[in-house]
Amino acid sequence: REQAVVDGSFVETVRVLSNRQGPLSLRLALTVDADFSDQFELRADHRTYSKPGAVRGRELTEDGALEFRYRRGDWQARTAVTADPAPDAVEETGTGARRLVWQLDCEPGGSAE
């Protein structure tokens, strides 16, 4: 796995290497979500903050991005998750997160990204 910040975007590359002597077919799943927590919520004192009127949204856009949105009053934020290659499926998890799923095939000693 490699991680980098490129042109203001967080980029993560996942590479699967096969050490098997035969072909390998596998399912790779990556669960993604955004909670839009502010710095006060991240402190270790376990306080909670009321957020009346907070609205969250999740949507798969026409260009294949998974967009997470948050709005409370005049403040709003969004983040988009894209994947190349595009996942074979996007599944709901029941928690608001989404699971991106790929079916990968590796030749003996090969790799897939």
PDB file of N, CA and C in Angstrom:
ATOM      1  N   ARG A   1       0.846  -1.168   0.000  1.00  0.00           N
ATOM      2  CA  ARG A   1       0.000   0.000   0.000  1.00  0.00           C
ATOM      3  C   ARG A   1       0.892   1.232   0.000  1.00  0.00           C
ATOM      4  N   GLU A   2       0.555   2.202  -0.829  1.00  0.00           N
ATOM      5  CA  GLU A   2       1.277   3.470  -0.885  1.00  0.00           C
ATOM      6  C   GLU A   2       0.283   4.599  -0.682  1.00  0.00           C
ATOM      7  N   GLN A   3       0.701   5.635   0.053  1.00  0.00           N
ATOM      8  CA  GLN A   3      -0.142   6.796   0.288  1.00  0.00           C
ATOM      9  C   GLN A   3       0.652   8.052  -0.026  1.00  0.00           C
ATOM     10  N   ALA A   4      -0.027   9.052  -0.613  1.00  0.00           N
ATOM     11  CA  ALA A   4       0.628  10.313  -0.950  1.00  0.00           C
ATOM     12  C   ALA A   4      -0.428  11.406  -1.076  1.00  0.00           C
ATOM     13  N   VAL A   5       0.015  12.650  -0.952  1.00  0.00           N
ATOM     14  CA  VAL A   5      -0.837  13.798  -1.249  1.00  0.00           C
ATOM     15  C   VAL A   5      -0.339  14.363  -2.571  1.00  0.00           C
ATOM     16  N   VAL A   6      -1.232  14.396  -3.563  1.00  0.00           N
ATOM     17  CA  VAL A   6      -0.880  14.842  -4.908  1.00  0.00           C
ATOM     18  C   VAL A   6      -1.881  15.909  -5.334  1.00  0.00           C
ATOM     19  N   ASP A   7      -1.390  17.102  -5.632  1.00  0.00           N
ATOM     20  CA  ASP A   7      -2.253  18.200  -6.087  1.00  0.00           C
ATOM     21  C   ASP A   7      -3.449  18.411  -5.165  1.00  0.00           C
ATOM     22  N   GLY A   8      -3.227  18.361  -3.854  1.00  0.00           N
ATOM     23  CA  GLY A   8      -4.284  18.612  -2.885  1.00  0.00           C
ATOM     24  C   GLY A   8      -5.225  17.448  -2.641  1.00  0.00           C
ATOM     25  N   SER A   9      -4.930  16.299  -3.202  1.00  0.00           N
ATOM     26  CA  SER A   9      -5.772  15.115  -3.013  1.00  0.00           C
ATOM     27  C   SER A   9      -4.966  14.009  -2.342  1.00  0.00           C
ATOM     28  N   PHE A  10      -5.615  13.264  -1.463  1.00  0.00           N
ATOM     29  CA  PHE A  10      -5.003  12.094  -0.847  1.00  0.00           C
ATOM     30  C   PHE A  10      -5.141  10.933  -1.820  1.00  0.00           C
ATOM     31  N   VAL A  11      -4.033  10.308  -2.162  1.00  0.00           N
ATOM     32  CA  VAL A  11      -4.027   9.210  -3.131  1.00  0.00           C
ATOM     33  C   VAL A  11      -3.476   7.966  -2.440  1.00  0.00           C
ATOM     34  N   GLU A  12      -4.212   6.880  -2.553  1.00  0.00           N
ATOM     35  CA  GLU A  12      -3.775   5.616  -1.966  1.00  0.00           C
ATOM     36  C   GLU A  12      -3.774   4.549  -3.053  1.00  0.00           C
ATOM     37  N   THR A  13      -2.673   3.821  -3.156  1.00  0.00           N
ATOM     38  CA  THR A  13      -2.545   2.733  -4.120  1.00  0.00           C
ATOM     39  C   THR A  13      -2.454   1.422  -3.354  1.00  0.00           C
ATOM     40  N   VAL A  14      -3.313   0.482  -3.721  1.00  0.00           N
ATOM     41  CA  VAL A  14      -3.309  -0.841  -3.100  1.00  0.00           C
ATOM     42  C   VAL A  14      -2.888  -1.847  -4.166  1.00  0.00           C
ATOM     43  N   ARG A  15      -1.850  -2.613  -3.863  1.00  0.00           N
ATOM     44  CA  ARG A  15      -1.347  -3.610  -4.803  1.00  0.00           C
ATOM     45  C   ARG A  15      -1.394  -4.978  -4.125  1.00  0.00           C
ATOM     46  N   VAL A  16      -1.974  -5.945  -4.805  1.00  0.00           N
ATOM     47  CA  VAL A  16      -2.053  -7.315  -4.298  1.00  0.00           C
ATOM     48  C   VAL A  16      -1.034  -8.147  -5.064  1.00  0.00           C
ATOM     49  N   LEU A  17      -0.130  -8.803  -4.330  1.00  0.00           N
ATOM     50  CA  LEU A  17       0.889  -9.665  -4.935  1.00  0.00           C
ATOM     51  C   LEU A  17       0.558 -11.118  -4.624  1.00  0.00           C
ATOM     52  N   SER A  18       0.631 -11.963  -5.628  1.00  0.00           N
ATOM     53  CA  SER A  18       0.336 -13.380  -5.442  1.00  0.00           C
ATOM     54  C   SER A  18       1.630 -14.179  -5.371  1.00  0.00           C
ATOM     55  N   ASN A  19       1.746 -14.991  -4.337  1.00  0.00           N
ATOM     56  CA  ASN A  19       2.877 -15.913  -4.211  1.00  0.00           C
ATOM     57  C   ASN A  19       2.465 -17.340  -4.545  1.00  0.00           C
ATOM     58  N   ARG A  20       1.277 -17.491  -5.055  1.00  0.00           N
ATOM     59  CA  ARG A  20       0.759 -18.823  -5.398  1.00  0.00           C
ATOM     60  C   ARG A  20       1.354 -19.302  -6.719  1.00  0.00           C
ATOM     61  N   GLN A  21       1.395 -20.604  -6.886  1.00  0.00           N
ATOM     62  CA  GLN A  21       1.928 -21.165  -8.122  1.00  0.00           C
ATOM     63  C   GLN A  21       0.860 -21.308  -9.189  1.00  0.00           C
ATOM     64  N   GLY A  22      -0.380 -21.094  -8.811  1.00  0.00           N
ATOM     65  CA  GLY A  22      -1.480 -21.149  -9.766  1.00  0.00           C
ATOM     66  C   GLY A  22      -2.188 -19.807  -9.827  1.00  0.00           C
ATOM     67  N   PRO A  23      -3.092 -19.640 -10.778  1.00  0.00           N
ATOM     68  CA  PRO A  23      -3.852 -18.397 -10.877  1.00  0.00           C
ATOM     69  C   PRO A  23      -4.679 -18.167  -9.611  1.00  0.00           C
ATOM     70  N   LEU A  24      -4.928 -16.913  -9.317  1.00  0.00           N
ATOM     71  CA  LEU A  24      -5.667 -16.545  -8.115  1.00  0.00           C
ATOM     72  C   LEU A  24      -6.771 -15.563  -8.482  1.00  0.00           C
ATOM     73  N   SER A  25      -7.982 -15.833  -8.030  1.00  0.00           N
ATOM     74  CA  SER A  25      -9.105 -14.920  -8.191  1.00  0.00           C
ATOM     75  C   SER A  25      -9.543 -14.513  -6.791  1.00  0.00           C
ATOM     76  N   LEU A  26      -9.647 -13.214  -6.539  1.00  0.00           N
ATOM     77  CA  LEU A  26      -9.999 -12.766  -5.202  1.00  0.00           C
ATOM     78  C   LEU A  26     -10.911 -11.551  -5.239  1.00  0.00           C
ATOM     79  N   ARG A  27     -11.585 -11.335  -4.129  1.00  0.00           N
ATOM     80  CA  ARG A  27     -12.467 -10.190  -3.948  1.00  0.00           C
ATOM     81  C   ARG A  27     -11.763  -9.222  -3.010  1.00  0.00           C
ATOM     82  N   LEU A  28     -11.552  -7.988  -3.468  1.00  0.00           N
ATOM     83  CA  LEU A  28     -10.953  -6.942  -2.651  1.00  0.00           C
ATOM     84  C   LEU A  28     -12.043  -5.935  -2.320  1.00  0.00           C
ATOM     85  N   ALA A  29     -12.240  -5.657  -1.029  1.00  0.00           N
ATOM     86  CA  ALA A  29     -13.273  -4.712  -0.599  1.00  0.00           C
ATOM     87  C   ALA A  29     -12.632  -3.632   0.262  1.00  0.00           C
ATOM     88  N   LEU A  30     -12.992  -2.392   0.003  1.00  0.00           N
ATOM     89  CA  LEU A  30     -12.492  -1.242   0.745  1.00  0.00           C
ATOM     90  C   LEU A  30     -13.699  -0.454   1.237  1.00  0.00           C
ATOM     91  N   THR A  31     -13.840  -0.305   2.551  1.00  0.00           N
ATOM     92  CA  THR A  31     -14.962   0.434   3.125  1.00  0.00           C
ATOM     93  C   THR A  31     -14.548   1.883   3.329  1.00  0.00           C
ATOM     94  N   VAL A  32     -15.366   2.819   2.822  1.00  0.00           N
ATOM     95  CA  VAL A  32     -15.053   4.249   2.905  1.00  0.00           C
ATOM     96  C   VAL A  32     -16.216   5.001   3.535  1.00  0.00           C
ATOM     97  N   ASP A  33     -15.879   6.077   4.259  1.00  0.00           N
ATOM     98  CA  ASP A  33     -16.885   6.932   4.882  1.00  0.00           C
ATOM     99  C   ASP A  33     -16.215   8.257   5.225  1.00  0.00           C
ATOM    100  N   ALA A  34     -17.008   9.247   5.562  1.00  0.00           N
ATOM    101  CA  ALA A  34     -16.518  10.545   6.014  1.00  0.00           C
ATOM    102  C   ALA A  34     -17.418  11.002   7.149  1.00  0.00           C
ATOM    103  N   ASP A  35     -16.832  11.389   8.295  1.00  0.00           N
ATOM    104  CA  ASP A  35     -17.666  11.820   9.420  1.00  0.00           C
ATOM    105  C   ASP A  35     -17.637  13.333   9.624  1.00  0.00           C
ATOM    106  N   PHE A  36     -16.715  14.043   8.975  1.00  0.00           N
ATOM    107  CA  PHE A  36     -16.613  15.498   9.043  1.00  0.00           C
ATOM    108  C   PHE A  36     -16.502  16.001  10.487  1.00  0.00           C
ATOM    109  N   SER A  37     -15.833  15.264  11.349  1.00  0.00           N
ATOM    110  CA  SER A  37     -15.628  15.676  12.739  1.00  0.00           C
ATOM    111  C   SER A  37     -14.723  16.899  12.796  1.00  0.00           C
ATOM    112  N   ASP A  38     -15.013  17.808  13.726  1.00  0.00           N
ATOM    113  CA  ASP A  38     -14.116  18.947  13.903  1.00  0.00           C
ATOM    114  C   ASP A  38     -13.108  18.630  15.005  1.00  0.00           C
ATOM    115  N   GLN A  39     -12.128  19.510  15.200  1.00  0.00           N
ATOM    116  CA  GLN A  39     -11.026  19.220  16.122  1.00  0.00           C
ATOM    117  C   GLN A  39     -11.492  19.024  17.563  1.00  0.00           C
ATOM    118  N   PHE A  40     -12.571  19.666  17.966  1.00  0.00           N
ATOM    119  CA  PHE A  40     -13.051  19.507  19.337  1.00  0.00           C
ATOM    120  C   PHE A  40     -13.619  18.108  19.568  1.00  0.00           C
ATOM    121  N   GLU A  41     -14.184  17.517  18.544  1.00  0.00           N
ATOM    122  CA  GLU A  41     -14.721  16.162  18.666  1.00  0.00           C
ATOM    123  C   GLU A  41     -13.616  15.112  18.708  1.00  0.00           C
ATOM    124  N   LEU A  42     -12.455  15.460  18.227  1.00  0.00           N
ATOM    125  CA  LEU A  42     -11.360  14.503  18.155  1.00  0.00           C
ATOM    126  C   LEU A  42     -10.546  14.442  19.442  1.00  0.00           C
ATOM    127  N   ARG A  43     -10.801  15.360  20.370  1.00  0.00           N
ATOM    128  CA  ARG A  43     -10.077  15.345  21.643  1.00  0.00           C
ATOM    129  C   ARG A  43     -10.415  14.079  22.425  1.00  0.00           C
ATOM    130  N   ALA A  44      -9.548  13.734  23.340  1.00  0.00           N
ATOM    131  CA  ALA A  44      -9.697  12.475  24.073  1.00  0.00           C
ATOM    132  C   ALA A  44     -10.589  12.580  25.309  1.00  0.00           C
ATOM    133  N   ASP A  45     -11.278  13.703  25.525  1.00  0.00           N
ATOM    134  CA  ASP A  45     -12.067  13.829  26.752  1.00  0.00           C
ATOM    135  C   ASP A  45     -13.486  13.278  26.614  1.00  0.00           C
ATOM    136  N   HIS A  46     -13.825  12.721  25.464  1.00  0.00           N
ATOM    137  CA  HIS A  46     -15.083  12.005  25.221  1.00  0.00           C
ATOM    138  C   HIS A  46     -16.338  12.863  25.344  1.00  0.00           C
ATOM    139  N   ARG A  47     -16.196  14.173  25.227  1.00  0.00           N
ATOM    140  CA  ARG A  47     -17.387  15.020  25.216  1.00  0.00           C
ATOM    141  C   ARG A  47     -18.107  14.862  23.888  1.00  0.00           C
ATOM    142  N   THR A  48     -19.396  15.081  23.906  1.00  0.00           N
ATOM    143  CA  THR A  48     -20.177  15.078  22.675  1.00  0.00           C
ATOM    144  C   THR A  48     -20.766  16.461  22.475  1.00  0.00           C
ATOM    145  N   TYR A  49     -21.019  16.811  21.231  1.00  0.00           N
ATOM    146  CA  TYR A  49     -21.517  18.131  20.886  1.00  0.00           C
ATOM    147  C   TYR A  49     -22.816  17.984  20.106  1.00  0.00           C
ATOM    148  N   SER A  50     -23.807  18.744  20.519  1.00  0.00           N
ATOM    149  CA  SER A  50     -25.086  18.738  19.824  1.00  0.00           C
ATOM    150  C   SER A  50     -24.921  19.428  18.477  1.00  0.00           C
ATOM    151  N   LYS A  51     -25.505  18.854  17.450  1.00  0.00           N
ATOM    152  CA  LYS A  51     -25.427  19.434  16.108  1.00  0.00           C
ATOM    153  C   LYS A  51     -26.815  19.472  15.496  1.00  0.00           C
ATOM    154  N   PRO A  52     -27.674  20.346  16.020  1.00  0.00           N
ATOM    155  CA  PRO A  52     -29.027  20.408  15.467  1.00  0.00           C
ATOM    156  C   PRO A  52     -29.007  20.848  14.008  1.00  0.00           C
ATOM    157  N   GLY A  53     -29.841  20.222  13.227  1.00  0.00           N
ATOM    158  CA  GLY A  53     -29.966  20.599  11.820  1.00  0.00           C
ATOM    159  C   GLY A  53     -28.888  20.049  10.908  1.00  0.00           C
ATOM    160  N   ALA A  54     -28.024  19.176  11.410  1.00  0.00           N
ATOM    161  CA  ALA A  54     -26.968  18.609  10.562  1.00  0.00           C
ATOM    162  C   ALA A  54     -27.582  17.656   9.540  1.00  0.00           C
ATOM    163  N   VAL A  55     -27.148  17.801   8.296  1.00  0.00           N
ATOM    164  CA  VAL A  55     -27.652  16.957   7.208  1.00  0.00           C
ATOM    165  C   VAL A  55     -26.463  16.304   6.519  1.00  0.00           C
ATOM    166  N   ARG A  56     -26.496  14.992   6.416  1.00  0.00           N
ATOM    167  CA  ARG A  56     -25.442  14.237   5.721  1.00  0.00           C
ATOM    168  C   ARG A  56     -26.018  13.631   4.456  1.00  0.00           C
ATOM    169  N   GLY A  57     -25.179  13.530   3.450  1.00  0.00           N
ATOM    170  CA  GLY A  57     -25.602  12.900   2.209  1.00  0.00           C
ATOM    171  C   GLY A  57     -24.491  12.053   1.624  1.00  0.00           C
ATOM    172  N   ARG A  58     -24.868  11.021   0.918  1.00  0.00           N
ATOM    173  CA  ARG A  58     -23.930  10.143   0.208  1.00  0.00           C
ATOM    174  C   ARG A  58     -24.538   9.844  -1.140  1.00  0.00           C
ATOM    175  N   GLU A  59     -23.709   9.955  -2.178  1.00  0.00           N
ATOM    176  CA  GLU A  59     -24.249   9.782  -3.528  1.00  0.00           C
ATOM    177  C   GLU A  59     -23.162   9.267  -4.458  1.00  0.00           C
ATOM    178  N   LEU A  60     -23.543   8.374  -5.348  1.00  0.00           N
ATOM    179  CA  LEU A  60     -22.661   7.929  -6.421  1.00  0.00           C
ATOM    180  C   LEU A  60     -22.939   8.840  -7.605  1.00  0.00           C
ATOM    181  N   THR A  61     -21.956   9.645  -8.016  1.00  0.00           N
ATOM    182  CA  THR A  61     -22.165  10.638  -9.065  1.00  0.00           C
ATOM    183  C   THR A  61     -22.089   9.998 -10.450  1.00  0.00           C
ATOM    184  N   GLU A  62     -22.506  10.758 -11.459  1.00  0.00           N
ATOM    185  CA  GLU A  62     -22.512  10.246 -12.836  1.00  0.00           C
ATOM    186  C   GLU A  62     -21.122   9.861 -13.320  1.00  0.00           C
ATOM    187  N   ASP A  63     -20.082  10.558 -12.828  1.00  0.00           N
ATOM    188  CA  ASP A  63     -18.718  10.244 -13.271  1.00  0.00           C
ATOM    189  C   ASP A  63     -18.074   9.133 -12.442  1.00  0.00           C
ATOM    190  N   GLY A  64     -18.859   8.485 -11.563  1.00  0.00           N
ATOM    191  CA  GLY A  64     -18.367   7.333 -10.820  1.00  0.00           C
ATOM    192  C   GLY A  64     -17.758   7.647  -9.470  1.00  0.00           C
ATOM    193  N   ALA A  65     -17.730   8.924  -9.069  1.00  0.00           N
ATOM    194  CA  ALA A  65     -17.189   9.277  -7.756  1.00  0.00           C
ATOM    195  C   ALA A  65     -18.230   8.990  -6.679  1.00  0.00           C
ATOM    196  N   LEU A  66     -17.764   8.645  -5.521  1.00  0.00           N
ATOM    197  CA  LEU A  66     -18.627   8.479  -4.358  1.00  0.00           C
ATOM    198  C   LEU A  66     -18.475   9.755  -3.543  1.00  0.00           C
ATOM    199  N   GLU A  67     -19.547  10.541  -3.442  1.00  0.00           N
ATOM    200  CA  GLU A  67     -19.476  11.848  -2.795  1.00  0.00           C
ATOM    201  C   GLU A  67     -20.169  11.804  -1.436  1.00  0.00           C
ATOM    202  N   PHE A  68     -19.454  12.295  -0.414  1.00  0.00           N
ATOM    203  CA  PHE A  68     -19.993  12.432   0.934  1.00  0.00           C
ATOM    204  C   PHE A  68     -20.184  13.922   1.193  1.00  0.00           C
ATOM    205  N   ARG A  69     -21.367  14.310   1.711  1.00  0.00           N
ATOM    206  CA  ARG A  69     -21.673  15.720   1.960  1.00  0.00           C
ATOM    207  C   ARG A  69     -22.147  15.905   3.400  1.00  0.00           C
ATOM    208  N   TYR A  70     -21.876  17.111   3.925  1.00  0.00           N
ATOM    209  CA  TYR A  70     -22.316  17.463   5.272  1.00  0.00           C
ATOM    210  C   TYR A  70     -22.688  18.937   5.264  1.00  0.00           C
ATOM    211  N   ARG A  71     -23.845  19.250   5.862  1.00  0.00           N
ATOM    212  CA  ARG A  71     -24.275  20.648   5.952  1.00  0.00           C
ATOM    213  C   ARG A  71     -24.904  20.871   7.322  1.00  0.00           C
ATOM    214  N   ARG A  72     -24.516  21.975   7.936  1.00  0.00           N
ATOM    215  CA  ARG A  72     -25.136  22.407   9.189  1.00  0.00           C
ATOM    216  C   ARG A  72     -25.159  23.923   9.169  1.00  0.00           C
ATOM    217  N   GLY A  73     -26.362  24.478   9.063  1.00  0.00           N
ATOM    218  CA  GLY A  73     -26.492  25.923   8.934  1.00  0.00           C
ATOM    219  C   GLY A  73     -25.859  26.380   7.628  1.00  0.00           C
ATOM    220  N   ASP A  74     -25.028  27.418   7.711  1.00  0.00           N
ATOM    221  CA  ASP A  74     -24.358  27.952   6.523  1.00  0.00           C
ATOM    222  C   ASP A  74     -23.084  27.183   6.169  1.00  0.00           C
ATOM    223  N   TRP A  75     -22.626  26.309   7.080  1.00  0.00           N
ATOM    224  CA  TRP A  75     -21.366  25.599   6.845  1.00  0.00           C
ATOM    225  C   TRP A  75     -21.639  24.290   6.118  1.00  0.00           C
ATOM    226  N   GLN A  76     -20.840  24.032   5.101  1.00  0.00           N
ATOM    227  CA  GLN A  76     -20.983  22.770   4.384  1.00  0.00           C
ATOM    228  C   GLN A  76     -19.616  22.260   3.946  1.00  0.00           C
ATOM    229  N   ALA A  77     -19.534  20.955   3.787  1.00  0.00           N
ATOM    230  CA  ALA A  77     -18.293  20.312   3.353  1.00  0.00           C
ATOM    231  C   ALA A  77     -18.661  19.125   2.483  1.00  0.00           C
ATOM    232  N   ARG A  78     -17.711  18.738   1.647  1.00  0.00           N
ATOM    233  CA  ARG A  78     -17.907  17.558   0.817  1.00  0.00           C
ATOM    234  C   ARG A  78     -16.551  16.933   0.551  1.00  0.00           C
ATOM    235  N   THR A  79     -16.568  15.649   0.340  1.00  0.00           N
ATOM    236  CA  THR A  79     -15.368  14.944  -0.088  1.00  0.00           C
ATOM    237  C   THR A  79     -15.796  13.886  -1.092  1.00  0.00           C
ATOM    238  N   ALA A  80     -14.954  13.670  -2.072  1.00  0.00           N
ATOM    239  CA  ALA A  80     -15.264  12.699  -3.119  1.00  0.00           C
ATOM    240  C   ALA A  80     -14.202  11.604  -3.115  1.00  0.00           C
ATOM    241  N   VAL A  81     -14.653  10.375  -3.260  1.00  0.00           N
ATOM    242  CA  VAL A  81     -13.766   9.220  -3.347  1.00  0.00           C
ATOM    243  C   VAL A  81     -13.876   8.682  -4.767  1.00  0.00           C
ATOM    244  N   THR A  82     -12.737   8.614  -5.451  1.00  0.00           N
ATOM    245  CA  THR A  82     -12.705   8.054  -6.800  1.00  0.00           C
ATOM    246  C   THR A  82     -11.759   6.858  -6.809  1.00  0.00           C
ATOM    247  N   ALA A  83     -11.945   5.985  -7.766  1.00  0.00           N
ATOM    248  CA  ALA A  83     -11.101   4.795  -7.860  1.00  0.00           C
ATOM    249  C   ALA A  83     -10.784   4.516  -9.321  1.00  0.00           C
ATOM    250  N   ASP A  84      -9.533   4.110  -9.562  1.00  0.00           N
ATOM    251  CA  ASP A  84      -9.103   3.738 -10.899  1.00  0.00           C
ATOM    252  C   ASP A  84      -8.289   2.458 -10.778  1.00  0.00           C
ATOM    253  N   PRO A  85      -8.817   1.346 -11.242  1.00  0.00           N
ATOM    254  CA  PRO A  85     -10.044   1.202 -12.017  1.00  0.00           C
ATOM    255  C   PRO A  85     -11.277   1.351 -11.127  1.00  0.00           C
ATOM    256  N   ALA A  86     -12.391   1.655 -11.767  1.00  0.00           N
ATOM    257  CA  ALA A  86     -13.649   1.782 -11.039  1.00  0.00           C
ATOM    258  C   ALA A  86     -13.995   0.448 -10.385  1.00  0.00           C
ATOM    259  N   PRO A  87     -14.630   0.477  -9.221  1.00  0.00           N
ATOM    260  CA  PRO A  87     -15.009  -0.786  -8.578  1.00  0.00           C
ATOM    261  C   PRO A  87     -16.061  -1.530  -9.390  1.00  0.00           C
ATOM    262  N   ASP A  88     -16.077  -2.835  -9.218  1.00  0.00           N
ATOM    263  CA  ASP A  88     -17.097  -3.661  -9.863  1.00  0.00           C
ATOM    264  C   ASP A  88     -18.458  -3.466  -9.206  1.00  0.00           C
ATOM    265  N   ALA A  89     -18.451  -3.076  -7.926  1.00  0.00           N
ATOM    266  CA  ALA A  89     -19.705  -2.852  -7.198  1.00  0.00           C
ATOM    267  C   ALA A  89     -19.465  -1.845  -6.086  1.00  0.00           C
ATOM    268  N   VAL A  90     -20.516  -1.107  -5.721  1.00  0.00           N
ATOM    269  CA  VAL A  90     -20.523  -0.233  -4.547  1.00  0.00           C
ATOM    270  C   VAL A  90     -21.677  -0.711  -3.672  1.00  0.00           C
ATOM    271  N   GLU A  91     -21.341  -1.154  -2.460  1.00  0.00           N
ATOM    272  CA  GLU A  91     -22.347  -1.744  -1.573  1.00  0.00           C
ATOM    273  C   GLU A  91     -22.613  -0.836  -0.376  1.00  0.00           C
ATOM    274  N   GLU A  92     -23.860  -0.811   0.084  1.00  0.00           N
ATOM    275  CA  GLU A  92     -24.195  -0.128   1.328  1.00  0.00           C
ATOM    276  C   GLU A  92     -23.839  -1.049   2.486  1.00  0.00           C
ATOM    277  N   THR A  93     -23.423  -0.448   3.605  1.00  0.00           N
ATOM    278  CA  THR A  93     -22.999  -1.247   4.756  1.00  0.00           C
ATOM    279  C   THR A  93     -24.012  -1.241   5.889  1.00  0.00           C
ATOM    280  N   GLY A  94     -25.004  -0.374   5.823  1.00  0.00           N
ATOM    281  CA  GLY A  94     -25.966  -0.248   6.907  1.00  0.00           C
ATOM    282  C   GLY A  94     -25.571   0.788   7.941  1.00  0.00           C
ATOM    283  N   THR A  95     -24.353   1.328   7.832  1.00  0.00           N
ATOM    284  CA  THR A  95     -23.875   2.350   8.769  1.00  0.00           C
ATOM    285  C   THR A  95     -23.736   3.704   8.101  1.00  0.00           C
ATOM    286  N   GLY A  96     -24.003   3.795   6.820  1.00  0.00           N
ATOM    287  CA  GLY A  96     -23.773   5.021   6.061  1.00  0.00           C
ATOM    288  C   GLY A  96     -22.506   4.938   5.228  1.00  0.00           C
ATOM    289  N   ALA A  97     -21.569   4.103   5.654  1.00  0.00           N
ATOM    290  CA  ALA A  97     -20.352   3.907   4.867  1.00  0.00           C
ATOM    291  C   ALA A  97     -20.707   3.143   3.597  1.00  0.00           C
ATOM    292  N   ARG A  98     -19.794   3.154   2.655  1.00  0.00           N
ATOM    293  CA  ARG A  98     -19.969   2.390   1.425  1.00  0.00           C
ATOM    294  C   ARG A  98     -18.765   1.471   1.255  1.00  0.00           C
ATOM    295  N   ARG A  99     -19.005   0.324   0.651  1.00  0.00           N
ATOM    296  CA  ARG A  99     -17.948  -0.654   0.403  1.00  0.00           C
ATOM    297  C   ARG A  99     -17.707  -0.712  -1.095  1.00  0.00           C
ATOM    298  N   LEU A 100     -16.473  -0.414  -1.508  1.00  0.00           N
ATOM    299  CA  LEU A 100     -16.065  -0.526  -2.909  1.00  0.00           C
ATOM    300  C   LEU A 100     -15.496  -1.928  -3.099  1.00  0.00           C
ATOM    301  N   VAL A 101     -15.959  -2.625  -4.131  1.00  0.00           N
ATOM    302  CA  VAL A 101     -15.593  -4.036  -4.308  1.00  0.00           C
ATOM    303  C   VAL A 101     -15.030  -4.256  -5.712  1.00  0.00           C
ATOM    304  N   TRP A 102     -13.895  -4.936  -5.761  1.00  0.00           N
ATOM    305  CA  TRP A 102     -13.284  -5.338  -7.024  1.00  0.00           C
ATOM    306  C   TRP A 102     -13.099  -6.854  -7.027  1.00  0.00           C
ATOM    307  N   GLN A 103     -13.267  -7.460  -8.174  1.00  0.00           N
ATOM    308  CA  GLN A 103     -12.912  -8.865  -8.376  1.00  0.00           C
ATOM    309  C   GLN A 103     -11.592  -8.852  -9.142  1.00  0.00           C
ATOM    310  N   LEU A 104     -10.540  -9.378  -8.539  1.00  0.00           N
ATOM    311  CA  LEU A 104      -9.203  -9.326  -9.128  1.00  0.00           C
ATOM    312  C   LEU A 104      -8.735 -10.719  -9.520  1.00  0.00           C
ATOM    313  N   ASP A 105      -8.016 -10.775 -10.620  1.00  0.00           N
ATOM    314  CA  ASP A 105      -7.405 -12.019 -11.082  1.00  0.00           C
ATOM    315  C   ASP A 105      -5.906 -11.805 -11.175  1.00  0.00           C
ATOM    316  N   CYS A 106      -5.143 -12.700 -10.545  1.00  0.00           N
ATOM    317  CA  CYS A 106      -3.682 -12.630 -10.574  1.00  0.00           C
ATOM    318  C   CYS A 106      -3.134 -13.904 -11.202  1.00  0.00           C
ATOM    319  N   GLU A 107      -2.202 -13.723 -12.079  1.00  0.00           N
ATOM    320  CA  GLU A 107      -1.467 -14.857 -12.633  1.00  0.00           C
ATOM    321  C   GLU A 107      -0.490 -15.367 -11.571  1.00  0.00           C
ATOM    322  N   PRO A 108       0.032 -16.570 -11.712  1.00  0.00           N
ATOM    323  CA  PRO A 108       1.010 -17.081 -10.750  1.00  0.00           C
ATOM    324  C   PRO A 108       2.178 -16.101 -10.587  1.00  0.00           C
ATOM    325  N   GLY A 109       2.445 -15.676  -9.357  1.00  0.00           N
ATOM    326  CA  GLY A 109       3.522 -14.726  -9.092  1.00  0.00           C
ATOM    327  C   GLY A 109       3.221 -13.318  -9.565  1.00  0.00           C
ATOM    328  N   GLY A 110       2.005 -13.051  -9.988  1.00  0.00           N
ATOM    329  CA  GLY A 110       1.648 -11.746 -10.541  1.00  0.00           C
ATOM    330  C   GLY A 110       1.084 -10.796  -9.499  1.00  0.00           C
ATOM    331  N   SER A 111       0.589  -9.651  -9.987  1.00  0.00           N
ATOM    332  CA  SER A 111       0.024  -8.646  -9.095  1.00  0.00           C
ATOM    333  C   SER A 111      -1.180  -7.984  -9.753  1.00  0.00           C
ATOM    334  N   ALA A 112      -1.956  -7.306  -8.929  1.00  0.00           N
ATOM    335  CA  ALA A 112      -3.103  -6.529  -9.407  1.00  0.00           C
ATOM    336  C   ALA A 112      -3.192  -5.277  -8.556  1.00  0.00           C
ATOM    337  N   GLU A 113      -3.602  -4.147  -9.171  1.00  0.00           N
ATOM    338  CA  GLU A 113      -3.783  -2.883  -8.436  1.00  0.00           C
ATOM    339  C   GLU A 113      -5.208  -2.438  -8.568  1.00  0.00           C
TER     340      GLU A 113
END
